[in-house]
PDB file of N, CA and C in Angstrom:
ATOM      1  N   UNK A   1     -46.826 -92.874  14.271  1.00  0.00           N
ATOM      2  CA  UNK A   1     -46.389 -94.226  14.494  1.00  0.00           C
ATOM      3  C   UNK A   1     -47.108 -95.152  13.528  1.00  0.00           C
ATOM      4  N   UNK A   2     -46.376 -96.152  13.041  1.00  0.00           N
ATOM      5  CA  UNK A   2     -46.961 -97.202  12.215  1.00  0.00           C
ATOM      6  C   UNK A   2     -47.157 -98.422  13.109  1.00  0.00           C
ATOM      7  N   UNK A   3     -48.314 -99.059  12.989  1.00  0.00           N
ATOM      8  CA  UNK A   3     -48.671-100.156  13.890  1.00  0.00           C
ATOM      9  C   UNK A   3     -49.437-101.219  13.127  1.00  0.00           C
ATOM     10  N   UNK A   4     -49.003-102.477  13.292  1.00  0.00           N
ATOM     11  CA  UNK A   4     -49.701-103.632  12.728  1.00  0.00           C
ATOM     12  C   UNK A   4     -50.114-104.527  13.893  1.00  0.00           C
ATOM     13  N   UNK A   5     -51.415-104.575  14.218  1.00  0.00           N
ATOM     14  CA  UNK A   5     -51.855-105.387  15.353  1.00  0.00           C
ATOM     15  C   UNK A   5     -51.853-106.886  15.046  1.00  0.00           C
ATOM     16  N   UNK A   6     -51.628-107.662  16.092  1.00  0.00           N
ATOM     17  CA  UNK A   6     -51.714-109.117  15.999  1.00  0.00           C
ATOM     18  C   UNK A   6     -53.137-109.549  16.345  1.00  0.00           C
ATOM     19  N   UNK A   7     -53.430-110.810  16.161  1.00  0.00           N
ATOM     20  CA  UNK A   7     -54.734-111.355  16.565  1.00  0.00           C
ATOM     21  C   UNK A   7     -54.932-111.153  18.070  1.00  0.00           C
ATOM     22  N   UNK A   8     -53.883-111.386  18.825  1.00  0.00           N
ATOM     23  CA  UNK A   8     -53.945-111.202  20.275  1.00  0.00           C
ATOM     24  C   UNK A   8     -54.271-109.756  20.638  1.00  0.00           C
ATOM     25  N   UNK A   9     -53.654-108.797  19.928  1.00  0.00           N
ATOM     26  CA  UNK A   9     -53.949-107.379  20.167  1.00  0.00           C
ATOM     27  C   UNK A   9     -55.440-107.100  19.972  1.00  0.00           C
ATOM     28  N   UNK A  10     -55.999-107.662  18.925  1.00  0.00           N
ATOM     29  CA  UNK A  10     -57.420-107.454  18.613  1.00  0.00           C
ATOM     30  C   UNK A  10     -58.295-108.081  19.695  1.00  0.00           C
ATOM     31  N   UNK A  11     -58.014-109.343  20.012  1.00  0.00           N
ATOM     32  CA  UNK A  11     -58.868-110.074  20.949  1.00  0.00           C
ATOM     33  C   UNK A  11     -58.793-109.526  22.369  1.00  0.00           C
ATOM     34  N   UNK A  12     -57.678-108.917  22.741  1.00  0.00           N
ATOM     35  CA  UNK A  12     -57.520-108.390  24.092  1.00  0.00           C
ATOM     36  C   UNK A  12     -57.960-106.936  24.231  1.00  0.00           C
ATOM     37  N   UNK A  13     -58.247-106.253  23.135  1.00  0.00           N
ATOM     38  CA  UNK A  13     -58.624-104.837  23.191  1.00  0.00           C
ATOM     39  C   UNK A  13     -59.930-104.647  23.964  1.00  0.00           C
ATOM     40  N   UNK A  14     -59.930-103.684  24.885  1.00  0.00           N
ATOM     41  CA  UNK A  14     -61.130-103.434  25.691  1.00  0.00           C
ATOM     42  C   UNK A  14     -61.230-101.954  26.044  1.00  0.00           C
ATOM     43  N   UNK A  15     -62.392-101.566  26.497  1.00  0.00           N
ATOM     44  CA  UNK A  15     -62.631-100.213  26.965  1.00  0.00           C
ATOM     45  C   UNK A  15     -61.613 -99.877  28.058  1.00  0.00           C
ATOM     46  N   UNK A  16     -61.046 -98.674  27.966  1.00  0.00           N
ATOM     47  CA  UNK A  16     -60.055 -98.237  28.932  1.00  0.00           C
ATOM     48  C   UNK A  16     -58.623 -98.408  28.452  1.00  0.00           C
ATOM     49  N   UNK A  17     -58.411 -99.251  27.431  1.00  0.00           N
ATOM     50  CA  UNK A  17     -57.066 -99.400  26.854  1.00  0.00           C
ATOM     51  C   UNK A  17     -56.697 -98.141  26.100  1.00  0.00           C
ATOM     52  N   UNK A  18     -55.419 -97.970  25.862  1.00  0.00           N
ATOM     53  CA  UNK A  18     -54.936 -96.847  25.062  1.00  0.00           C
ATOM     54  C   UNK A  18     -54.457 -97.375  23.725  1.00  0.00           C
ATOM     55  N   UNK A  19     -54.901 -96.719  22.654  1.00  0.00           N
ATOM     56  CA  UNK A  19     -54.648 -97.184  21.286  1.00  0.00           C
ATOM     57  C   UNK A  19     -54.587 -95.975  20.370  1.00  0.00           C
ATOM     58  N   UNK A  20     -54.137 -96.168  19.125  1.00  0.00           N
ATOM     59  CA  UNK A  20     -54.100 -95.067  18.162  1.00  0.00           C
ATOM     60  C   UNK A  20     -55.521 -94.663  17.779  1.00  0.00           C
ATOM     61  N   UNK A  21     -55.750 -93.363  17.692  1.00  0.00           N
ATOM     62  CA  UNK A  21     -57.046 -92.877  17.222  1.00  0.00           C
ATOM     63  C   UNK A  21     -56.963 -92.582  15.729  1.00  0.00           C
ATOM     64  N   UNK A  22     -58.008 -91.995  15.174  1.00  0.00           N
ATOM     65  CA  UNK A  22     -58.059 -91.740  13.730  1.00  0.00           C
ATOM     66  C   UNK A  22     -57.057 -90.685  13.272  1.00  0.00           C
ATOM     67  N   UNK A  23     -56.435 -89.990  14.220  1.00  0.00           N
ATOM     68  CA  UNK A  23     -55.417 -88.995  13.878  1.00  0.00           C
ATOM     69  C   UNK A  23     -54.002 -89.485  14.167  1.00  0.00           C
ATOM     70  N   UNK A  24     -53.871 -90.727  14.637  1.00  0.00           N
ATOM     71  CA  UNK A  24     -52.568 -91.296  14.916  1.00  0.00           C
ATOM     72  C   UNK A  24     -52.019 -90.964  16.291  1.00  0.00           C
ATOM     73  N   UNK A  25     -52.865 -90.437  17.152  1.00  0.00           N
ATOM     74  CA  UNK A  25     -52.476 -90.117  18.523  1.00  0.00           C
ATOM     75  C   UNK A  25     -52.927 -91.249  19.446  1.00  0.00           C
ATOM     76  N   UNK A  26     -52.165 -91.503  20.491  1.00  0.00           N
ATOM     77  CA  UNK A  26     -52.550 -92.523  21.459  1.00  0.00           C
ATOM     78  C   UNK A  26     -53.569 -91.930  22.417  1.00  0.00           C
ATOM     79  N   UNK A  27     -54.718 -92.586  22.515  1.00  0.00           N
ATOM     80  CA  UNK A  27     -55.787 -92.105  23.380  1.00  0.00           C
ATOM     81  C   UNK A  27     -56.616 -93.281  23.891  1.00  0.00           C
ATOM     82  N   UNK A  28     -57.512 -93.016  24.807  1.00  0.00           N
ATOM     83  CA  UNK A  28     -58.279 -94.060  25.479  1.00  0.00           C
ATOM     84  C   UNK A  28     -59.463 -94.552  24.655  1.00  0.00           C
ATOM     85  N   UNK A  29     -59.667 -95.868  24.695  1.00  0.00           N
ATOM     86  CA  UNK A  29     -60.844 -96.481  24.079  1.00  0.00           C
ATOM     87  C   UNK A  29     -62.025 -96.235  25.011  1.00  0.00           C
ATOM     88  N   UNK A  30     -63.110 -95.685  24.457  1.00  0.00           N
ATOM     89  CA  UNK A  30     -64.315 -95.422  25.242  1.00  0.00           C
ATOM     90  C   UNK A  30     -65.483 -96.161  24.598  1.00  0.00           C
ATOM     91  N   UNK A  31     -66.443 -96.544  25.393  1.00  0.00           N
ATOM     92  CA  UNK A  31     -67.586 -97.272  24.861  1.00  0.00           C
ATOM     93  C   UNK A  31     -67.235 -98.718  24.570  1.00  0.00           C
ATOM     94  N   UNK A  32     -68.155 -99.393  23.898  1.00  0.00           N
ATOM     95  CA  UNK A  32     -67.993-100.803  23.608  1.00  0.00           C
ATOM     96  C   UNK A  32     -67.014-101.032  22.464  1.00  0.00           C
ATOM     97  N   UNK A  33     -66.324-102.162  22.516  1.00  0.00           N
ATOM     98  CA  UNK A  33     -65.437-102.587  21.431  1.00  0.00           C
ATOM     99  C   UNK A  33     -66.136-103.740  20.717  1.00  0.00           C
ATOM    100  N   UNK A  34     -66.374-103.591  19.414  1.00  0.00           N
ATOM    101  CA  UNK A  34     -66.979-104.661  18.629  1.00  0.00           C
ATOM    102  C   UNK A  34     -65.864-105.443  17.952  1.00  0.00           C
ATOM    103  N   UNK A  35     -65.902-106.771  18.053  1.00  0.00           N
ATOM    104  CA  UNK A  35     -64.900-107.630  17.429  1.00  0.00           C
ATOM    105  C   UNK A  35     -65.590-108.649  16.542  1.00  0.00           C
ATOM    106  N   UNK A  36     -64.937-109.001  15.460  1.00  0.00           N
ATOM    107  CA  UNK A  36     -65.480-109.998  14.559  1.00  0.00           C
ATOM    108  C   UNK A  36     -64.425-110.493  13.603  1.00  0.00           C
ATOM    109  N   UNK A  37     -64.837-111.400  12.708  1.00  0.00           N
ATOM    110  CA  UNK A  37     -63.953-111.938  11.678  1.00  0.00           C
ATOM    111  C   UNK A  37     -64.467-111.493  10.317  1.00  0.00           C
ATOM    112  N   UNK A  38     -63.526-111.183   9.420  1.00  0.00           N
ATOM    113  CA  UNK A  38     -63.936-110.848   8.061  1.00  0.00           C
ATOM    114  C   UNK A  38     -64.128-112.142   7.263  1.00  0.00           C
ATOM    115  N   UNK A  39     -64.451-112.041   5.996  1.00  0.00           N
ATOM    116  CA  UNK A  39     -64.739-113.221   5.180  1.00  0.00           C
ATOM    117  C   UNK A  39     -63.509-114.109   4.977  1.00  0.00           C
ATOM    118  N   UNK A  40     -62.308-113.558   5.230  1.00  0.00           N
ATOM    119  CA  UNK A  40     -61.075-114.336   5.095  1.00  0.00           C
ATOM    120  C   UNK A  40     -60.590-114.892   6.432  1.00  0.00           C
ATOM    121  N   UNK A  41     -61.363-114.691   7.489  1.00  0.00           N
ATOM    122  CA  UNK A  41     -61.008-115.225   8.796  1.00  0.00           C
ATOM    123  C   UNK A  41     -60.098-114.346   9.628  1.00  0.00           C
ATOM    124  N   UNK A  42     -59.820-113.122   9.163  1.00  0.00           N
ATOM    125  CA  UNK A  42     -58.993-112.200   9.947  1.00  0.00           C
ATOM    126  C   UNK A  42     -59.864-111.483  10.972  1.00  0.00           C
ATOM    127  N   UNK A  43     -59.335-111.351  12.194  1.00  0.00           N
ATOM    128  CA  UNK A  43     -60.053-110.640  13.250  1.00  0.00           C
ATOM    129  C   UNK A  43     -59.899-109.142  13.084  1.00  0.00           C
ATOM    130  N   UNK A  44     -60.969-108.423  13.426  1.00  0.00           N
ATOM    131  CA  UNK A  44     -60.930-106.961  13.402  1.00  0.00           C
ATOM    132  C   UNK A  44     -61.654-106.439  14.635  1.00  0.00           C
ATOM    133  N   UNK A  45     -61.385-105.188  14.952  1.00  0.00           N
ATOM    134  CA  UNK A  45     -62.071-104.523  16.062  1.00  0.00           C
ATOM    135  C   UNK A  45     -62.483-103.138  15.610  1.00  0.00           C
ATOM    136  N   UNK A  46     -63.682-102.745  15.968  1.00  0.00           N
ATOM    137  CA  UNK A  46     -64.188-101.390  15.747  1.00  0.00           C
ATOM    138  C   UNK A  46     -64.479-100.799  17.116  1.00  0.00           C
ATOM    139  N   UNK A  47     -64.126 -99.532  17.289  1.00  0.00           N
ATOM    140  CA  UNK A  47     -64.233 -98.931  18.616  1.00  0.00           C
ATOM    141  C   UNK A  47     -64.248 -97.413  18.501  1.00  0.00           C
ATOM    142  N   UNK A  48     -64.481 -96.760  19.618  1.00  0.00           N
ATOM    143  CA  UNK A  48     -64.413 -95.305  19.697  1.00  0.00           C
ATOM    144  C   UNK A  48     -63.305 -94.906  20.653  1.00  0.00           C
ATOM    145  N   UNK A  49     -62.629 -93.818  20.327  1.00  0.00           N
ATOM    146  CA  UNK A  49     -61.626 -93.261  21.222  1.00  0.00           C
ATOM    147  C   UNK A  49     -62.069 -91.873  21.654  1.00  0.00           C
ATOM    148  N   UNK A  50     -61.566 -91.458  22.799  1.00  0.00           N
ATOM    149  CA  UNK A  50     -61.885 -90.127  23.314  1.00  0.00           C
ATOM    150  C   UNK A  50     -61.306 -89.068  22.383  1.00  0.00           C
ATOM    151  N   UNK A  51     -62.093 -88.035  22.088  1.00  0.00           N
ATOM    152  CA  UNK A  51     -61.648 -86.950  21.225  1.00  0.00           C
ATOM    153  C   UNK A  51     -62.140 -85.646  21.841  1.00  0.00           C
ATOM    154  N   UNK A  52     -61.313 -85.068  22.666  1.00  0.00           N
ATOM    155  CA  UNK A  52     -61.726 -83.849  23.358  1.00  0.00           C
ATOM    156  C   UNK A  52     -62.603 -84.174  24.550  1.00  0.00           C
ATOM    157  N   UNK A  53     -63.222 -83.137  25.110  1.00  0.00           N
ATOM    158  CA  UNK A  53     -64.019 -83.310  26.317  1.00  0.00           C
ATOM    159  C   UNK A  53     -65.362 -84.003  26.071  1.00  0.00           C
ATOM    160  N   UNK A  54     -65.990 -83.727  24.935  1.00  0.00           N
ATOM    161  CA  UNK A  54     -67.350 -84.223  24.703  1.00  0.00           C
ATOM    162  C   UNK A  54     -67.521 -84.921  23.364  1.00  0.00           C
ATOM    163  N   UNK A  55     -66.449 -85.493  22.851  1.00  0.00           N
ATOM    164  CA  UNK A  55     -66.555 -86.106  21.527  1.00  0.00           C
ATOM    165  C   UNK A  55     -65.805 -87.437  21.488  1.00  0.00           C
ATOM    166  N   UNK A  56     -66.156 -88.241  20.483  1.00  0.00           N
ATOM    167  CA  UNK A  56     -65.492 -89.511  20.258  1.00  0.00           C
ATOM    168  C   UNK A  56     -65.093 -89.601  18.793  1.00  0.00           C
ATOM    169  N   UNK A  57     -64.110 -90.439  18.513  1.00  0.00           N
ATOM    170  CA  UNK A  57     -63.616 -90.664  17.153  1.00  0.00           C
ATOM    171  C   UNK A  57     -63.718 -92.160  16.883  1.00  0.00           C
ATOM    172  N   UNK A  58     -64.353 -92.557  15.785  1.00  0.00           N
ATOM    173  CA  UNK A  58     -64.461 -93.985  15.478  1.00  0.00           C
ATOM    174  C   UNK A  58     -63.180 -94.470  14.805  1.00  0.00           C
ATOM    175  N   UNK A  59     -62.858 -95.718  15.056  1.00  0.00           N
ATOM    176  CA  UNK A  59     -61.629 -96.291  14.518  1.00  0.00           C
ATOM    177  C   UNK A  59     -61.822 -97.786  14.386  1.00  0.00           C
ATOM    178  N   UNK A  60     -61.011 -98.411  13.559  1.00  0.00           N
ATOM    179  CA  UNK A  60     -61.015 -99.871  13.456  1.00  0.00           C
ATOM    180  C   UNK A  60     -59.610-100.342  13.112  1.00  0.00           C
ATOM    181  N   UNK A  61     -59.364-101.608  13.371  1.00  0.00           N
ATOM    182  CA  UNK A  61     -58.087-102.205  13.007  1.00  0.00           C
ATOM    183  C   UNK A  61     -58.306-103.687  12.748  1.00  0.00           C
ATOM    184  N   UNK A  62     -57.430-104.254  11.916  1.00  0.00           N
ATOM    185  CA  UNK A  62     -57.545-105.651  11.539  1.00  0.00           C
ATOM    186  C   UNK A  62     -56.199-106.330  11.743  1.00  0.00           C
ATOM    187  N   UNK A  63     -56.255-107.589  12.162  1.00  0.00           N
ATOM    188  CA  UNK A  63     -55.007-108.309  12.430  1.00  0.00           C
ATOM    189  C   UNK A  63     -54.125-108.373  11.182  1.00  0.00           C
ATOM    190  N   UNK A  64     -52.828-108.181  11.405  1.00  0.00           N
ATOM    191  CA  UNK A  64     -51.803-108.257  10.365  1.00  0.00           C
ATOM    192  C   UNK A  64     -51.986-107.252   9.236  1.00  0.00           C
ATOM    193  N   UNK A  65     -52.683-106.145   9.517  1.00  0.00           N
ATOM    194  CA  UNK A  65     -52.809-105.066   8.539  1.00  0.00           C
ATOM    195  C   UNK A  65     -52.436-103.748   9.199  1.00  0.00           C
ATOM    196  N   UNK A  66     -51.708-102.942   8.461  1.00  0.00           N
ATOM    197  CA  UNK A  66     -51.271-101.646   8.957  1.00  0.00           C
ATOM    198  C   UNK A  66     -52.466-100.780   9.322  1.00  0.00           C
ATOM    199  N   UNK A  67     -52.432-100.207  10.524  1.00  0.00           N
ATOM    200  CA  UNK A  67     -53.496 -99.292  10.943  1.00  0.00           C
ATOM    201  C   UNK A  67     -53.264 -97.961  10.214  1.00  0.00           C
ATOM    202  N   UNK A  68     -54.220 -97.579   9.413  1.00  0.00           N
ATOM    203  CA  UNK A  68     -54.102 -96.336   8.638  1.00  0.00           C
ATOM    204  C   UNK A  68     -54.937 -95.255   9.297  1.00  0.00           C
ATOM    205  N   UNK A  69     -54.363 -94.076   9.362  1.00  0.00           N
ATOM    206  CA  UNK A  69     -55.020 -92.944  10.011  1.00  0.00           C
ATOM    207  C   UNK A  69     -54.608 -91.663   9.300  1.00  0.00           C
ATOM    208  N   UNK A  70     -55.125 -90.540   9.744  1.00  0.00           N
ATOM    209  CA  UNK A  70     -54.831 -89.258   9.103  1.00  0.00           C
ATOM    210  C   UNK A  70     -53.324 -89.016   9.022  1.00  0.00           C
ATOM    211  N   UNK A  71     -52.599 -89.380  10.077  1.00  0.00           N
ATOM    212  CA  UNK A  71     -51.149 -89.175  10.085  1.00  0.00           C
ATOM    213  C   UNK A  71     -50.424 -89.946   8.997  1.00  0.00           C
ATOM    214  N   UNK A  72     -50.842 -91.196   8.760  1.00  0.00           N
ATOM    215  CA  UNK A  72     -50.185 -91.980   7.708  1.00  0.00           C
ATOM    216  C   UNK A  72     -50.613 -91.485   6.326  1.00  0.00           C
ATOM    217  N   UNK A  73     -51.865 -91.119   6.193  1.00  0.00           N
ATOM    218  CA  UNK A  73     -52.365 -90.643   4.895  1.00  0.00           C
ATOM    219  C   UNK A  73     -51.777 -89.296   4.500  1.00  0.00           C
ATOM    220  N   UNK A  74     -51.382 -88.504   5.478  1.00  0.00           N
ATOM    221  CA  UNK A  74     -50.777 -87.199   5.186  1.00  0.00           C
ATOM    222  C   UNK A  74     -49.343 -87.351   4.670  1.00  0.00           C
ATOM    223  N   UNK A  75     -48.681 -88.455   5.025  1.00  0.00           N
ATOM    224  CA  UNK A  75     -47.280 -88.636   4.655  1.00  0.00           C
ATOM    225  C   UNK A  75     -47.064 -89.596   3.503  1.00  0.00           C
ATOM    226  N   UNK A  76     -47.986 -90.526   3.310  1.00  0.00           N
ATOM    227  CA  UNK A  76     -47.810 -91.573   2.302  1.00  0.00           C
ATOM    228  C   UNK A  76     -49.103 -91.764   1.517  1.00  0.00           C
ATOM    229  N   UNK A  77     -48.971 -92.234   0.275  1.00  0.00           N
ATOM    230  CA  UNK A  77     -50.179 -92.618  -0.447  1.00  0.00           C
ATOM    231  C   UNK A  77     -50.407 -94.118  -0.238  1.00  0.00           C
ATOM    232  N   UNK A  78     -51.495 -94.634  -0.747  1.00  0.00           N
ATOM    233  CA  UNK A  78     -51.915 -96.000  -0.466  1.00  0.00           C
ATOM    234  C   UNK A  78     -50.883 -97.042  -0.894  1.00  0.00           C
ATOM    235  N   UNK A  79     -50.323 -96.902  -2.088  1.00  0.00           N
ATOM    236  CA  UNK A  79     -49.370 -97.915  -2.548  1.00  0.00           C
ATOM    237  C   UNK A  79     -48.097 -97.897  -1.703  1.00  0.00           C
ATOM    238  N   UNK A  80     -47.692 -96.719  -1.212  1.00  0.00           N
ATOM    239  CA  UNK A  80     -46.523 -96.644  -0.341  1.00  0.00           C
ATOM    240  C   UNK A  80     -46.803 -97.347   0.984  1.00  0.00           C
ATOM    241  N   UNK A  81     -48.008 -97.161   1.520  1.00  0.00           N
ATOM    242  CA  UNK A  81     -48.383 -97.836   2.762  1.00  0.00           C
ATOM    243  C   UNK A  81     -48.452 -99.349   2.562  1.00  0.00           C
ATOM    244  N   UNK A  82     -48.901 -99.799   1.391  1.00  0.00           N
ATOM    245  CA  UNK A  82     -48.909-101.233   1.089  1.00  0.00           C
ATOM    246  C   UNK A  82     -47.485-101.794   1.128  1.00  0.00           C
ATOM    247  N   UNK A  83     -46.524-101.061   0.548  1.00  0.00           N
ATOM    248  CA  UNK A  83     -45.121-101.500   0.551  1.00  0.00           C
ATOM    249  C   UNK A  83     -44.545-101.520   1.961  1.00  0.00           C
ATOM    250  N   UNK A  84     -44.846-100.489   2.745  1.00  0.00           N
ATOM    251  CA  UNK A  84     -44.371-100.419   4.131  1.00  0.00           C
ATOM    252  C   UNK A  84     -44.938-101.582   4.933  1.00  0.00           C
ATOM    253  N   UNK A  85     -46.230-101.846   4.758  1.00  0.00           N
ATOM    254  CA  UNK A  85     -46.875-102.957   5.459  1.00  0.00           C
ATOM    255  C   UNK A  85     -46.187-104.278   5.119  1.00  0.00           C
ATOM    256  N   UNK A  86     -45.960-104.530   3.846  1.00  0.00           N
ATOM    257  CA  UNK A  86     -45.317-105.777   3.409  1.00  0.00           C
ATOM    258  C   UNK A  86     -43.905-105.888   3.985  1.00  0.00           C
ATOM    259  N   UNK A  87     -43.163-104.793   3.983  1.00  0.00           N
ATOM    260  CA  UNK A  87     -41.804-104.808   4.530  1.00  0.00           C
ATOM    261  C   UNK A  87     -41.814-105.079   6.034  1.00  0.00           C
ATOM    262  N   UNK A  88     -42.707-104.399   6.754  1.00  0.00           N
ATOM    263  CA  UNK A  88     -42.800-104.616   8.202  1.00  0.00           C
ATOM    264  C   UNK A  88     -43.161-106.064   8.522  1.00  0.00           C
ATOM    265  N   UNK A  89     -44.138-106.612   7.819  1.00  0.00           N
ATOM    266  CA  UNK A  89     -44.538-108.001   8.059  1.00  0.00           C
ATOM    267  C   UNK A  89     -43.404-108.972   7.747  1.00  0.00           C
ATOM    268  N   UNK A  90     -42.654-108.714   6.676  1.00  0.00           N
ATOM    269  CA  UNK A  90     -41.544-109.614   6.308  1.00  0.00           C
ATOM    270  C   UNK A  90     -40.436-109.593   7.354  1.00  0.00           C
ATOM    271  N   UNK A  91     -40.300-108.476   8.066  1.00  0.00           N
ATOM    272  CA  UNK A  91     -39.281-108.345   9.101  1.00  0.00           C
ATOM    273  C   UNK A  91     -39.811-108.691  10.495  1.00  0.00           C
ATOM    274  N   UNK A  92     -41.100-108.986  10.590  1.00  0.00           N
ATOM    275  CA  UNK A  92     -41.704-109.283  11.881  1.00  0.00           C
ATOM    276  C   UNK A  92     -41.904-108.040  12.746  1.00  0.00           C
ATOM    277  N   UNK A  93     -41.861-106.868  12.124  1.00  0.00           N
ATOM    278  CA  UNK A  93     -42.059-105.603  12.848  1.00  0.00           C
ATOM    279  C   UNK A  93     -43.553-105.366  13.088  1.00  0.00           C
ATOM    280  N   UNK A  94     -43.896-104.895  14.268  1.00  0.00           N
ATOM    281  CA  UNK A  94     -45.274-104.543  14.569  1.00  0.00           C
ATOM    282  C   UNK A  94     -45.443-103.054  14.815  1.00  0.00           C
ATOM    283  N   UNK A  95     -44.352-102.364  15.170  1.00  0.00           N
ATOM    284  CA  UNK A  95     -44.399-100.938  15.450  1.00  0.00           C
ATOM    285  C   UNK A  95     -43.179-100.288  14.804  1.00  0.00           C
ATOM    286  N   UNK A  96     -43.416 -99.130  14.177  1.00  0.00           N
ATOM    287  CA  UNK A  96     -42.328 -98.352  13.580  1.00  0.00           C
ATOM    288  C   UNK A  96     -42.665 -96.880  13.751  1.00  0.00           C
ATOM    289  N   UNK A  97     -41.694 -96.123  14.168  1.00  0.00           N
ATOM    290  CA  UNK A  97     -41.891 -94.677  14.283  1.00  0.00           C
ATOM    291  C   UNK A  97     -41.882 -94.061  12.893  1.00  0.00           C
ATOM    292  N   UNK A  98     -42.694 -93.040  12.694  1.00  0.00           N
ATOM    293  CA  UNK A  98     -42.730 -92.333  11.402  1.00  0.00           C
ATOM    294  C   UNK A  98     -41.497 -91.472  11.247  1.00  0.00           C
TER     295      UNK A  98
END
């Protein structure tokens, strides 16, 4: 799945929510969620998701930017993802199936 979070998505993200992990699978957020603004004023969140019985996977996402993960990197290169992101934003799309 391709996903572009909004500012609201970032600000509302909390432990226990379900979100894409680093492999592109939907899984539970575990531990604390760190939120902040980058130098351009965009909100981002860094967090851990459950990965198996005794492991976690770190992940982050930024408002109005395509969430990139192993699944997207396996199918597209960076410039292709940039084009997809621009197209989705121009159409107001936030979610697209791969």
